[in-house]
Amino acid sequence: MKILLSSLEVEKQKLNQLGNESLANGIPLFKNNALQAQSRKVDELIVQLHKQSGLKRRSS
């Protein structure tokens, strides 16, 4: 779970960087394909983390 959390933090930092660059360049966030792909990656990690935490709660 720690590995997943650290991966999530790294990917969130990448997402924030892409968002800041997009805004600085006047590109709407919804039109930035790289940002949208990174957002999906972060979303998937959040889902995985949620599933893992749910499994740990059930087994406790």
C-alpha atoms as a PDB file:
ATOM      1  CA  MET A   1       0.000   0.000   0.000  1.00  0.00           C
ATOM      2  CA  LYS A   2       2.937   2.329   0.705  1.00  0.00           C
ATOM      3  CA  ILE A   3       4.195   1.827  -2.836  1.00  0.00           C
ATOM      4  CA  LEU A   4       0.775   2.704  -4.193  1.00  0.00           C
ATOM      5  CA  LEU A   5       0.624   5.843  -2.050  1.00  0.00           C
ATOM      6  CA  SER A   6       4.047   6.993  -3.201  1.00  0.00           C
ATOM      7  CA  SER A   7       3.100   6.308  -6.830  1.00  0.00           C
ATOM      8  CA  LEU A   8      -0.051   8.343  -6.342  1.00  0.00           C
ATOM      9  CA  GLU A   9       1.944  11.281  -4.959  1.00  0.00           C
ATOM     10  CA  VAL A  10       4.366  11.200  -7.897  1.00  0.00           C
ATOM     11  CA  GLU A  11       1.548  11.051 -10.431  1.00  0.00           C
ATOM     12  CA  LYS A  12      -0.371  13.851  -8.681  1.00  0.00           C
ATOM     13  CA  GLN A  13       2.733  16.040  -8.870  1.00  0.00           C
ATOM     14  CA  LYS A  14       2.962  15.349 -12.607  1.00  0.00           C
ATOM     15  CA  LEU A  15      -0.731  16.220 -12.960  1.00  0.00           C
ATOM     16  CA  ASN A  16      -0.273  19.484 -11.090  1.00  0.00           C
ATOM     17  CA  GLN A  17       2.724  20.383 -13.241  1.00  0.00           C
ATOM     18  CA  LEU A  18       0.776  19.706 -16.431  1.00  0.00           C
ATOM     19  CA  GLY A  19      -2.126  21.770 -15.132  1.00  0.00           C
ATOM     20  CA  ASN A  20       0.090  24.703 -14.236  1.00  0.00           C
ATOM     21  CA  GLU A  21       1.816  24.583 -17.628  1.00  0.00           C
ATOM     22  CA  SER A  22      -1.528  24.406 -19.390  1.00  0.00           C
ATOM     23  CA  LEU A  23      -2.872  27.412 -17.502  1.00  0.00           C
ATOM     24  CA  ALA A  24       0.355  29.376 -18.037  1.00  0.00           C
ATOM     25  CA  ASN A  25       0.068  28.753 -21.782  1.00  0.00           C
ATOM     26  CA  GLY A  26      -3.623  29.657 -21.896  1.00  0.00           C
ATOM     27  CA  ILE A  27      -4.676  26.141 -22.849  1.00  0.00           C
ATOM     28  CA  PRO A  28      -8.009  25.067 -21.345  1.00  0.00           C
ATOM     29  CA  LEU A  29      -7.517  22.047 -19.107  1.00  0.00           C
ATOM     30  CA  PHE A  30     -10.154  20.019 -20.936  1.00  0.00           C
ATOM     31  CA  LYS A  31      -8.301  20.509 -24.242  1.00  0.00           C
ATOM     32  CA  ASN A  32      -4.927  19.333 -22.920  1.00  0.00           C
ATOM     33  CA  ASN A  33      -4.715  15.661 -23.896  1.00  0.00           C
ATOM     34  CA  ALA A  34      -1.593  14.997 -21.827  1.00  0.00           C
ATOM     35  CA  LEU A  35      -3.280  16.432 -18.752  1.00  0.00           C
ATOM     36  CA  GLN A  36      -6.406  14.361 -19.360  1.00  0.00           C
ATOM     37  CA  ALA A  37      -4.343  11.173 -19.719  1.00  0.00           C
ATOM     38  CA  GLN A  38      -2.460  11.971 -16.513  1.00  0.00           C
ATOM     39  CA  SER A  39      -5.734  12.656 -14.736  1.00  0.00           C
ATOM     40  CA  ARG A  40      -7.019   9.216 -15.751  1.00  0.00           C
ATOM     41  CA  LYS A  41      -3.800   7.666 -14.421  1.00  0.00           C
ATOM     42  CA  VAL A  42      -4.285   9.420 -11.060  1.00  0.00           C
ATOM     43  CA  ASP A  43      -7.932   8.351 -10.990  1.00  0.00           C
ATOM     44  CA  GLU A  44      -6.955   4.721 -11.565  1.00  0.00           C
ATOM     45  CA  LEU A  45      -4.426   4.831  -8.734  1.00  0.00           C
ATOM     46  CA  ILE A  46      -7.087   6.277  -6.426  1.00  0.00           C
ATOM     47  CA  VAL A  47      -9.461   3.455  -7.367  1.00  0.00           C
ATOM     48  CA  GLN A  48      -6.740   0.866  -6.682  1.00  0.00           C
ATOM     49  CA  LEU A  49      -5.969   2.470  -3.334  1.00  0.00           C
ATOM     50  CA  HIS A  50      -9.645   2.544  -2.420  1.00  0.00           C
ATOM     51  CA  LYS A  51     -10.034  -1.133  -3.317  1.00  0.00           C
ATOM     52  CA  GLN A  52      -6.996  -2.088  -1.257  1.00  0.00           C
ATOM     53  CA  SER A  53      -8.142  -0.124   1.769  1.00  0.00           C
ATOM     54  CA  GLY A  54     -11.594  -1.729   1.488  1.00  0.00           C
ATOM     55  CA  LEU A  55     -10.058  -5.194   1.429  1.00  0.00           C
ATOM     56  CA  LYS A  56      -7.990  -4.433   4.525  1.00  0.00           C
ATOM     57  CA  ARG A  57     -11.046  -3.156   6.417  1.00  0.00           C
ATOM     58  CA  ARG A  58     -13.026  -6.304   5.589  1.00  0.00           C
ATOM     59  CA  SER A  59     -10.271  -8.595   6.779  1.00  0.00           C
ATOM     60  CA  SER A  60      -9.835  -6.710  10.085  1.00  0.00           C
END
